[in-house]
Structures are given as C-alpha cells and as structure tokens.
PDB file of N, CA and C in Angstrom:
ATOM      1  N   MET A   1      69.718-135.993-107.456  1.00  0.00           N
ATOM      2  CA  MET A   1      69.595-135.315-108.985  1.00  0.00           C
ATOM      3  C   MET A   1      69.811-136.221-109.811  1.00  0.00           C
ATOM      4  N   GLU A   2      71.459-136.598-109.673  1.00  0.00           N
ATOM      5  CA  GLU A   2      71.911-137.924-110.918  1.00  0.00           C
ATOM      6  C   GLU A   2      71.210-138.904-110.599  1.00  0.00           C
ATOM      7  N   ARG A   3      70.667-139.708-109.302  1.00  0.00           N
ATOM      8  CA  ARG A   3      69.079-140.404-109.291  1.00  0.00           C
ATOM      9  C   ARG A   3      68.399-141.219-110.113  1.00  0.00           C
ATOM     10  N   LEU A   4      68.261-139.405-110.161  1.00  0.00           N
ATOM     11  CA  LEU A   4      66.748-138.825-110.631  1.00  0.00           C
ATOM     12  C   LEU A   4      66.821-139.439-112.306  1.00  0.00           C
ATOM     13  N   LYS A   5      68.005-138.552-113.114  1.00  0.00           N
ATOM     14  CA  LYS A   5      68.808-137.706-113.851  1.00  0.00           C
ATOM     15  C   LYS A   5      68.617-139.714-114.684  1.00  0.00           C
ATOM     16  N   GLY A   6      69.666-140.758-113.810  1.00  0.00           N
ATOM     17  CA  GLY A   6      69.273-141.622-114.481  1.00  0.00           C
ATOM     18  C   GLY A   6      68.277-142.242-114.447  1.00  0.00           C
ATOM     19  N   VAL A   7      66.972-142.268-113.675  1.00  0.00           N
ATOM     20  CA  VAL A   7      66.272-143.193-114.111  1.00  0.00           C
ATOM     21  C   VAL A   7      65.420-142.395-115.009  1.00  0.00           C
ATOM     22  N   MET A   8      65.363-141.367-115.231  1.00  0.00           N
ATOM     23  CA  MET A   8      65.113-140.309-116.142  1.00  0.00           C
ATOM     24  C   MET A   8      65.506-140.949-117.652  1.00  0.00           C
ATOM     25  N   LYS A   9      66.659-140.212-118.097  1.00  0.00           N
ATOM     26  CA  LYS A   9      67.479-141.285-119.313  1.00  0.00           C
ATOM     27  C   LYS A   9      66.601-142.491-119.327  1.00  0.00           C
ATOM     28  N   LYS A  10      66.797-143.457-118.041  1.00  0.00           N
ATOM     29  CA  LYS A  10      66.245-144.911-118.903  1.00  0.00           C
ATOM     30  C   LYS A  10      64.709-144.695-119.511  1.00  0.00           C
ATOM     31  N   LYS A  11      63.873-144.472-118.788  1.00  0.00           N
ATOM     32  CA  LYS A  11      63.092-144.261-119.063  1.00  0.00           C
ATOM     33  C   LYS A  11      62.559-143.223-120.634  1.00  0.00           C
ATOM     34  N   ILE A  12      63.161-142.523-120.686  1.00  0.00           N
ATOM     35  CA  ILE A  12      63.143-142.269-121.875  1.00  0.00           C
ATOM     36  C   ILE A  12      63.899-142.808-123.362  1.00  0.00           C
ATOM     37  N   ALA A  13      64.940-143.699-122.919  1.00  0.00           N
ATOM     38  CA  ALA A  13      65.361-144.823-123.854  1.00  0.00           C
ATOM     39  C   ALA A  13      64.960-145.938-124.455  1.00  0.00           C
ATOM     40  N   LYS A  14      63.182-146.086-123.493  1.00  0.00           N
ATOM     41  CA  LYS A  14      63.012-147.416-124.110  1.00  0.00           C
ATOM     42  C   LYS A  14      61.456-146.074-124.479  1.00  0.00           C
ATOM     43  N   PHE A  15      61.341-145.858-124.271  1.00  0.00           N
ATOM     44  CA  PHE A  15      60.097-144.972-124.339  1.00  0.00           C
ATOM     45  C   PHE A  15      60.835-144.334-126.179  1.00  0.00           C
ATOM     46  N   VAL A  16      61.131-143.685-126.377  1.00  0.00           N
ATOM     47  CA  VAL A  16      61.865-143.144-127.577  1.00  0.00           C
ATOM     48  C   VAL A  16      61.065-144.104-128.697  1.00  0.00           C
ATOM     49  N   PRO A  17      62.057-144.822-129.424  1.00  0.00           N
ATOM     50  CA  PRO A  17      61.845-145.935-130.413  1.00  0.00           C
ATOM     51  C   PRO A  17      60.089-147.283-130.585  1.00  0.00           C
ATOM     52  N   SER A  18      59.483-146.573-128.641  1.00  0.00           N
ATOM     53  CA  SER A  18      58.283-147.147-128.843  1.00  0.00           C
ATOM     54  C   SER A  18      57.143-146.071-130.316  1.00  0.00           C
ATOM     55  N   ALA A  19      57.222-144.732-129.229  1.00  0.00           N
ATOM     56  CA  ALA A  19      56.943-143.425-129.573  1.00  0.00           C
ATOM     57  C   ALA A  19      57.252-143.200-131.185  1.00  0.00           C
ATOM     58  N   PHE A  20      58.216-143.559-131.132  1.00  0.00           N
ATOM     59  CA  PHE A  20      58.608-143.545-133.106  1.00  0.00           C
ATOM     60  C   PHE A  20      57.865-144.561-134.090  1.00  0.00           C
ATOM     61  N   ASN A  21      57.889-145.148-133.851  1.00  0.00           N
ATOM     62  CA  ASN A  21      57.629-146.483-134.431  1.00  0.00           C
ATOM     63  C   ASN A  21      55.725-146.742-134.014  1.00  0.00           C
ATOM     64  N   ARG A  22      54.786-145.973-133.207  1.00  0.00           N
ATOM     65  CA  ARG A  22      53.586-145.702-132.911  1.00  0.00           C
ATOM     66  C   ARG A  22      53.241-143.849-134.579  1.00  0.00           C
ATOM     67  N   ALA A  23      54.527-143.613-134.126  1.00  0.00           N
ATOM     68  CA  ALA A  23      53.941-142.482-135.047  1.00  0.00           C
ATOM     69  C   ALA A  23      53.860-142.675-136.637  1.00  0.00           C
ATOM     70  N   LEU A  24      54.975-143.572-137.114  1.00  0.00           N
ATOM     71  CA  LEU A  24      55.265-143.819-138.637  1.00  0.00           C
ATOM     72  C   LEU A  24      54.002-144.439-138.751  1.00  0.00           C
ATOM     73  N   CYS A  25      53.668-145.255-138.439  1.00  0.00           N
ATOM     74  CA  CYS A  25      52.021-146.388-137.506  1.00  0.00           C
ATOM     75  C   CYS A  25      50.713-145.469-138.628  1.00  0.00           C
ATOM     76  N   SER A  26      50.420-144.708-137.545  1.00  0.00           N
ATOM     77  CA  SER A  26      49.969-143.903-138.110  1.00  0.00           C
ATOM     78  C   SER A  26      49.340-143.017-138.656  1.00  0.00           C
ATOM     79  N   TYR A  27      50.779-142.657-138.989  1.00  0.00           N
ATOM     80  CA  TYR A  27      51.343-142.323-140.334  1.00  0.00           C
ATOM     81  C   TYR A  27      50.858-142.604-141.574  1.00  0.00           C
ATOM     82  N   ARG A  28      51.470-143.746-141.144  1.00  0.00           N
ATOM     83  CA  ARG A  28      51.191-144.288-142.058  1.00  0.00           C
ATOM     84  C   ARG A  28      49.772-145.145-142.645  1.00  0.00           C
ATOM     85  N   THR A  29      48.536-145.492-141.572  1.00  0.00           N
ATOM     86  CA  THR A  29      47.217-145.767-142.060  1.00  0.00           C
ATOM     87  C   THR A  29      46.383-143.916-141.972  1.00  0.00           C
ATOM     88  N   PHE A  30      47.031-143.074-141.829  1.00  0.00           N
ATOM     89  CA  PHE A  30      46.283-141.522-142.087  1.00  0.00           C
ATOM     90  C   PHE A  30      46.549-141.170-143.478  1.00  0.00           C
ATOM     91  N   SER A  31      47.986-141.496-143.852  1.00  0.00           N
ATOM     92  CA  SER A  31      47.800-141.687-145.860  1.00  0.00           C
ATOM     93  C   SER A  31      47.573-142.761-146.357  1.00  0.00           C
ATOM     94  N   ALA A  32      47.225-144.232-145.727  1.00  0.00           N
ATOM     95  CA  ALA A  32      46.603-144.558-146.774  1.00  0.00           C
ATOM     96  C   ALA A  32      45.386-144.730-147.099  1.00  0.00           C
ATOM     97  N   LYS A  33      44.588-143.748-146.461  1.00  0.00           N
ATOM     98  CA  LYS A  33      43.255-144.193-146.225  1.00  0.00           C
ATOM     99  C   LYS A  33      42.122-142.901-147.061  1.00  0.00           C
ATOM    100  N   ASN A  34      41.146-142.355-147.604  1.00  0.00           N
ATOM    101  CA  ASN A  34      40.519-141.350-147.832  1.00  0.00           C
ATOM    102  C   ASN A  34      39.992-140.902-146.635  1.00  0.00           C
ATOM    103  N   VAL A  35      39.987-139.637-146.137  1.00  0.00           N
ATOM    104  CA  VAL A  35      40.126-139.296-144.647  1.00  0.00           C
ATOM    105  C   VAL A  35      38.675-138.110-145.347  1.00  0.00           C
ATOM    106  N   ASP A  36      38.210-137.332-144.151  1.00  0.00           N
ATOM    107  CA  ASP A  36      37.427-136.407-144.962  1.00  0.00           C
ATOM    108  C   ASP A  36      38.142-135.415-143.915  1.00  0.00           C
ATOM    109  N   ILE A  37      37.339-134.631-143.867  1.00  0.00           N
ATOM    110  CA  ILE A  37      37.614-133.270-142.567  1.00  0.00           C
ATOM    111  C   ILE A  37      38.010-133.440-141.102  1.00  0.00           C
ATOM    112  N   ASP A  38      37.154-133.952-140.248  1.00  0.00           N
ATOM    113  CA  ASP A  38      36.808-134.060-139.801  1.00  0.00           C
ATOM    114  C   ASP A  38      38.175-135.140-138.812  1.00  0.00           C
ATOM    115  N   GLU A  39      38.085-136.487-139.359  1.00  0.00           N
ATOM    116  CA  GLU A  39      39.504-136.953-139.326  1.00  0.00           C
ATOM    117  C   GLU A  39      41.019-136.381-139.644  1.00  0.00           C
ATOM    118  N   THR A  40      40.931-135.467-140.558  1.00  0.00           N
ATOM    119  CA  THR A  40      42.249-134.523-140.319  1.00  0.00           C
ATOM    120  C   THR A  40      42.129-134.239-139.133  1.00  0.00           C
ATOM    121  N   LYS A  41      40.970-132.822-139.141  1.00  0.00           N
ATOM    122  CA  LYS A  41      41.226-132.698-138.309  1.00  0.00           C
ATOM    123  C   LYS A  41      42.169-133.451-136.688  1.00  0.00           C
ATOM    124  N   GLU A  42      41.434-134.463-136.670  1.00  0.00           N
ATOM    125  CA  GLU A  42      41.284-135.196-135.177  1.00  0.00           C
ATOM    126  C   GLU A  42      43.688-135.276-135.167  1.00  0.00           C
ATOM    127  N   PHE A  43      43.797-136.189-136.478  1.00  0.00           N
ATOM    128  CA  PHE A  43      44.790-136.998-136.871  1.00  0.00           C
ATOM    129  C   PHE A  43      45.843-135.317-136.228  1.00  0.00           C
ATOM    130  N   SER A  44      45.199-134.388-136.858  1.00  0.00           N
ATOM    131  CA  SER A  44      46.679-132.870-136.408  1.00  0.00           C
ATOM    132  C   SER A  44      46.503-133.058-135.000  1.00  0.00           C
ATOM    133  N   ALA A  45      45.329-132.533-134.637  1.00  0.00           N
ATOM    134  CA  ALA A  45      45.372-132.369-132.931  1.00  0.00           C
ATOM    135  C   ALA A  45      46.117-133.707-132.111  1.00  0.00           C
ATOM    136  N   TYR A  46      46.456-134.967-132.764  1.00  0.00           N
ATOM    137  CA  TYR A  46      46.750-136.310-131.880  1.00  0.00           C
ATOM    138  C   TYR A  46      47.697-135.164-132.647  1.00  0.00           C
ATOM    139  N   HIS A  47      48.184-135.424-133.092  1.00  0.00           N
ATOM    140  CA  HIS A  47      50.480-134.867-133.526  1.00  0.00           C
ATOM    141  C   HIS A  47      49.871-133.710-132.668  1.00  0.00           C
ATOM    142  N   SER A  48      49.840-133.025-132.507  1.00  0.00           N
ATOM    143  CA  SER A  48      50.739-131.947-132.400  1.00  0.00           C
ATOM    144  C   SER A  48      50.617-131.824-130.611  1.00  0.00           C
ATOM    145  N   ALA A  49      49.084-132.979-130.447  1.00  0.00           N
ATOM    146  CA  ALA A  49      49.398-133.401-128.737  1.00  0.00           C
ATOM    147  C   ALA A  49      50.702-133.966-128.374  1.00  0.00           C
ATOM    148  N   CYS A  50      50.992-134.747-128.928  1.00  0.00           N
ATOM    149  CA  CYS A  50      52.450-135.411-128.699  1.00  0.00           C
ATOM    150  C   CYS A  50      54.052-135.097-129.088  1.00  0.00           C
ATOM    151  N   LYS A  51      53.752-133.706-130.202  1.00  0.00           N
ATOM    152  CA  LYS A  51      54.880-133.051-130.180  1.00  0.00           C
ATOM    153  C   LYS A  51      55.037-132.257-128.699  1.00  0.00           C
ATOM    154  N   ASN A  52      53.822-131.814-128.617  1.00  0.00           N
ATOM    155  CA  ASN A  52      53.605-130.761-127.447  1.00  0.00           C
ATOM    156  C   ASN A  52      54.198-131.410-126.001  1.00  0.00           C
ATOM    157  N   ALA A  53      53.913-133.657-125.651  1.00  0.00           N
ATOM    158  CA  ALA A  53      54.935-133.301-125.298  1.00  0.00           C
ATOM    159  C   ALA A  53      55.766-133.882-125.167  1.00  0.00           C
ATOM    160  N   LEU A  54      56.686-134.143-126.490  1.00  0.00           N
ATOM    161  CA  LEU A  54      57.844-134.383-126.407  1.00  0.00           C
ATOM    162  C   LEU A  54      58.467-132.681-126.146  1.00  0.00           C
ATOM    163  N   SER A  55      57.923-131.988-126.246  1.00  0.00           N
ATOM    164  CA  SER A  55      58.969-130.296-125.879  1.00  0.00           C
ATOM    165  C   SER A  55      59.081-130.923-124.968  1.00  0.00           C
ATOM    166  N   HIS A  56      57.496-131.142-123.850  1.00  0.00           N
ATOM    167  CA  HIS A  56      57.694-130.957-122.355  1.00  0.00           C
ATOM    168  C   HIS A  56      58.937-131.351-121.931  1.00  0.00           C
ATOM    169  N   ILE A  57      59.188-133.107-121.983  1.00  0.00           N
ATOM    170  CA  ILE A  57      60.002-133.938-121.888  1.00  0.00           C
ATOM    171  C   ILE A  57      61.630-133.238-121.998  1.00  0.00           C
ATOM    172  N   ASP A  58      61.430-132.647-123.705  1.00  0.00           N
ATOM    173  CA  ASP A  58      63.050-131.634-123.615  1.00  0.00           C
ATOM    174  C   ASP A  58      62.670-130.726-122.148  1.00  0.00           C
ATOM    175  N   ASN A  59      62.060-129.953-122.260  1.00  0.00           N
ATOM    176  CA  ASN A  59      62.027-129.389-121.348  1.00  0.00           C
ATOM    177  C   ASN A  59      62.214-129.374-119.422  1.00  0.00           C
ATOM    178  N   LEU A  60      61.915-130.754-119.032  1.00  0.00           N
ATOM    179  CA  LEU A  60      62.547-131.306-117.745  1.00  0.00           C
ATOM    180  C   LEU A  60      64.237-131.748-118.181  1.00  0.00           C
ATOM    181  N   ILE A  61      63.775-132.082-119.269  1.00  0.00           N
ATOM    182  CA  ILE A  61      65.114-132.297-119.675  1.00  0.00           C
ATOM    183  C   ILE A  61      66.141-130.781-118.800  1.00  0.00           C
ATOM    184  N   LYS A  62      66.291-129.807-119.753  1.00  0.00           N
ATOM    185  CA  LYS A  62      65.985-129.288-118.506  1.00  0.00           C
ATOM    186  C   LYS A  62      66.614-127.918-118.059  1.00  0.00           C
ATOM    187  N   LEU A  63      65.293-128.953-117.118  1.00  0.00           N
ATOM    188  CA  LEU A  63      65.409-127.944-115.913  1.00  0.00           C
ATOM    189  C   LEU A  63      66.214-128.740-115.100  1.00  0.00           C
ATOM    190  N   ALA A  64      66.281-129.878-115.588  1.00  0.00           N
ATOM    191  CA  ALA A  64      67.130-130.798-114.847  1.00  0.00           C
ATOM    192  C   ALA A  64      68.785-130.634-114.647  1.00  0.00           C
ATOM    193  N   ASP A  65      68.822-130.827-115.959  1.00  0.00           N
ATOM    194  CA  ASP A  65      70.454-129.111-115.754  1.00  0.00           C
ATOM    195  C   ASP A  65      70.404-128.441-115.016  1.00  0.00           C
ATOM    196  N   PHE A  66      69.835-126.804-115.476  1.00  0.00           N
ATOM    197  CA  PHE A  66      69.732-125.864-115.363  1.00  0.00           C
ATOM    198  C   PHE A  66      69.958-126.428-113.252  1.00  0.00           C
ATOM    199  N   GLY A  67      71.189-125.076-113.479  1.00  0.00           N
ATOM    200  CA  GLY A  67      72.683-124.356-112.559  1.00  0.00           C
ATOM    201  C   GLY A  67      73.288-125.403-111.333  1.00  0.00           C
ATOM    202  N   GLU A  68      73.525-126.782-112.710  1.00  0.00           N
ATOM    203  CA  GLU A  68      74.892-127.516-112.463  1.00  0.00           C
ATOM    204  C   GLU A  68      75.748-126.780-112.761  1.00  0.00           C
ATOM    205  N   GLU A  69      77.441-125.819-112.367  1.00  0.00           N
ATOM    206  CA  GLU A  69      77.895-125.479-113.397  1.00  0.00           C
ATOM    207  C   GLU A  69      78.961-126.134-113.993  1.00  0.00           C
ATOM    208  N   GLU A  70      79.497-127.463-113.161  1.00  0.00           N
ATOM    209  CA  GLU A  70      80.890-128.547-114.372  1.00  0.00           C
ATOM    210  C   GLU A  70      79.804-129.635-114.511  1.00  0.00           C
ATOM    211  N   LEU A  71      80.292-130.576-115.421  1.00  0.00           N
ATOM    212  CA  LEU A  71      79.911-132.065-116.192  1.00  0.00           C
ATOM    213  C   LEU A  71      81.150-132.120-115.870  1.00  0.00           C
ATOM    214  N   GLU A  72      81.236-133.236-115.255  1.00  0.00           N
ATOM    215  CA  GLU A  72      82.573-134.424-115.231  1.00  0.00           C
ATOM    216  C   GLU A  72      82.068-135.027-116.784  1.00  0.00           C
ATOM    217  N   ASP A  73      82.920-135.678-117.482  1.00  0.00           N
ATOM    218  CA  ASP A  73      83.195-136.269-118.393  1.00  0.00           C
ATOM    219  C   ASP A  73      82.182-136.821-118.567  1.00  0.00           C
ATOM    220  N   LYS A  74      81.836-138.134-117.943  1.00  0.00           N
ATOM    221  CA  LYS A  74      81.252-139.512-118.213  1.00  0.00           C
ATOM    222  C   LYS A  74      79.529-138.178-118.195  1.00  0.00           C
ATOM    223  N   LYS A  75      79.276-137.746-117.444  1.00  0.00           N
ATOM    224  CA  LYS A  75      77.845-137.410-117.437  1.00  0.00           C
ATOM    225  C   LYS A  75      77.631-136.180-118.331  1.00  0.00           C
ATOM    226  N   GLU A  76      79.046-135.092-119.287  1.00  0.00           N
ATOM    227  CA  GLU A  76      78.169-134.964-120.883  1.00  0.00           C
ATOM    228  C   GLU A  76      77.985-136.480-121.225  1.00  0.00           C
ATOM    229  N   THR A  77      78.649-137.159-121.896  1.00  0.00           N
ATOM    230  CA  THR A  77      78.774-137.800-123.378  1.00  0.00           C
ATOM    231  C   THR A  77      77.112-138.826-123.112  1.00  0.00           C
ATOM    232  N   GLU A  78      76.035-138.881-121.417  1.00  0.00           N
ATOM    233  CA  GLU A  78      76.025-139.301-121.075  1.00  0.00           C
ATOM    234  C   GLU A  78      74.313-138.488-121.958  1.00  0.00           C
ATOM    235  N   ASP A  79      74.699-137.224-121.393  1.00  0.00           N
ATOM    236  CA  ASP A  79      73.108-136.570-121.100  1.00  0.00           C
ATOM    237  C   ASP A  79      73.728-135.783-122.907  1.00  0.00           C
ATOM    238  N   ASN A  80      74.352-135.758-123.553  1.00  0.00           N
ATOM    239  CA  ASN A  80      75.304-135.803-124.784  1.00  0.00           C
ATOM    240  C   ASN A  80      73.917-136.541-125.571  1.00  0.00           C
ATOM    241  N   SER A  81      73.835-137.954-125.262  1.00  0.00           N
ATOM    242  CA  SER A  81      73.547-139.241-126.281  1.00  0.00           C
ATOM    243  C   SER A  81      72.199-139.533-125.490  1.00  0.00           C
ATOM    244  N   LEU A  82      71.484-138.618-125.057  1.00  0.00           N
ATOM    245  CA  LEU A  82      69.860-138.593-124.695  1.00  0.00           C
ATOM    246  C   LEU A  82      69.453-137.211-125.491  1.00  0.00           C
ATOM    247  N   LYS A  83      70.371-136.029-125.332  1.00  0.00           N
ATOM    248  CA  LYS A  83      70.007-135.177-126.675  1.00  0.00           C
ATOM    249  C   LYS A  83      70.237-135.369-128.483  1.00  0.00           C
ATOM    250  N   GLN A  84      70.859-136.992-128.624  1.00  0.00           N
ATOM    251  CA  GLN A  84      71.253-136.469-129.366  1.00  0.00           C
ATOM    252  C   GLN A  84      70.134-137.451-129.565  1.00  0.00           C
ATOM    253  N   ILE A  85      69.922-138.226-129.357  1.00  0.00           N
ATOM    254  CA  ILE A  85      68.280-139.878-129.179  1.00  0.00           C
ATOM    255  C   ILE A  85      67.084-138.470-129.732  1.00  0.00           C
ATOM    256  N   LEU A  86      66.561-137.492-128.645  1.00  0.00           N
ATOM    257  CA  LEU A  86      65.780-136.170-129.060  1.00  0.00           C
ATOM    258  C   LEU A  86      65.697-136.186-130.087  1.00  0.00           C
ATOM    259  N   GLU A  87      67.333-135.353-130.412  1.00  0.00           N
ATOM    260  CA  GLU A  87      67.515-134.598-131.880  1.00  0.00           C
ATOM    261  C   GLU A  87      67.022-134.846-133.520  1.00  0.00           C
ATOM    262  N   SER A  88      67.500-136.417-133.027  1.00  0.00           N
ATOM    263  CA  SER A  88      67.650-137.341-133.871  1.00  0.00           C
ATOM    264  C   SER A  88      66.052-137.892-133.959  1.00  0.00           C
ATOM    265  N   ALA A  89      65.477-138.493-133.540  1.00  0.00           N
ATOM    266  CA  ALA A  89      63.765-137.995-132.960  1.00  0.00           C
ATOM    267  C   ALA A  89      62.642-137.098-133.986  1.00  0.00           C
ATOM    268  N   LYS A  90      63.243-135.689-133.642  1.00  0.00           N
ATOM    269  CA  LYS A  90      62.382-134.331-133.259  1.00  0.00           C
ATOM    270  C   LYS A  90      63.413-134.182-134.907  1.00  0.00           C
ATOM    271  N   GLN A  91      64.053-134.441-135.667  1.00  0.00           N
ATOM    272  CA  GLN A  91      64.443-134.359-137.462  1.00  0.00           C
ATOM    273  C   GLN A  91      63.881-135.574-138.381  1.00  0.00           C
ATOM    274  N   GLN A  92      64.114-136.379-137.468  1.00  0.00           N
ATOM    275  CA  GLN A  92      62.854-137.604-137.586  1.00  0.00           C
ATOM    276  C   GLN A  92      61.806-137.293-138.623  1.00  0.00           C
ATOM    277  N   LEU A  93      60.528-136.685-137.243  1.00  0.00           N
ATOM    278  CA  LEU A  93      59.441-136.368-136.825  1.00  0.00           C
ATOM    279  C   LEU A  93      59.428-134.741-138.501  1.00  0.00           C
ATOM    280  N   THR A  94      60.623-134.387-138.393  1.00  0.00           N
ATOM    281  CA  THR A  94      60.449-132.789-138.944  1.00  0.00           C
ATOM    282  C   THR A  94      60.168-133.269-140.039  1.00  0.00           C
ATOM    283  N   GLU A  95      60.970-134.378-140.536  1.00  0.00           N
ATOM    284  CA  GLU A  95      60.661-135.121-142.421  1.00  0.00           C
ATOM    285  C   GLU A  95      59.948-136.001-142.752  1.00  0.00           C
ATOM    286  N   ILE A  96      58.662-136.574-141.268  1.00  0.00           N
ATOM    287  CA  ILE A  96      58.316-136.782-142.124  1.00  0.00           C
ATOM    288  C   ILE A  96      57.064-136.365-141.950  1.00  0.00           C
ATOM    289  N   ASN A  97      56.761-134.858-141.143  1.00  0.00           N
ATOM    290  CA  ASN A  97      55.714-134.231-141.178  1.00  0.00           C
ATOM    291  C   ASN A  97      56.352-132.831-142.965  1.00  0.00           C
ATOM    292  N   LYS A  98      57.174-132.867-142.952  1.00  0.00           N
ATOM    293  CA  LYS A  98      57.088-132.486-144.743  1.00  0.00           C
ATOM    294  C   LYS A  98      56.672-133.277-145.797  1.00  0.00           C
ATOM    295  N   ASP A  99      56.609-134.603-145.421  1.00  0.00           N
ATOM    296  CA  ASP A  99      56.246-135.494-146.695  1.00  0.00           C
ATOM    297  C   ASP A  99      54.910-136.040-146.736  1.00  0.00           C
ATOM    298  N   LEU A 100      53.552-135.274-145.401  1.00  0.00           N
ATOM    299  CA  LEU A 100      52.634-135.407-145.660  1.00  0.00           C
ATOM    300  C   LEU A 100      52.297-133.654-146.298  1.00  0.00           C
TER     301      LEU A 100
END
C-alpha cells in the first residue's frame, strides 16, 4: 500500500500544475471571446467533468487511507502535503469560478 501511495503522490504532484494551467488557459480563452449558448454549455460541461475527475482522485486518496489506524510522522506529513496541494487547487478553482 505504501508503494502505491508513493506512486500516486508523484503522479498527482506532476499532474496538478499542468491541470491548473490548462484550466486557467481555458477560462482566459472562454472569457476573452463572445460565445453563444452552445459554447457556454460545452464549456460548463467540460469543466464540470474536470471537477468530477478531481473529486474522483480525492476519493481514491481517501480510500487508500481507509483502514489505517496509525500514521507515522513522516507519512502523515507527506499525506498532509498532498492534501494541501489538492485543497489549494480546489480553493483556487473555486475563486476562479466565482469570477466567471
């Protein structure tokens, strides 16, 4: 299980910055042009799907932690770091969504 968590953390840590950048670019592109109702629906559907994917990743992390009774200090620090990255990304996306 620890090996799986280590692999997950590395992959997520690589994924989050590029996903954040893609979201920002998408928001900028969308907000910079005049769009019709169909484009608005597509934009909304696309970003809803992205949010669902992030939620799915968050749930997988919770499942990986499920059942473990005690965490070592180092492991707890690593888990908290990953959770902080995800929480920060979620907060930033929420802020961006408020501006739309």
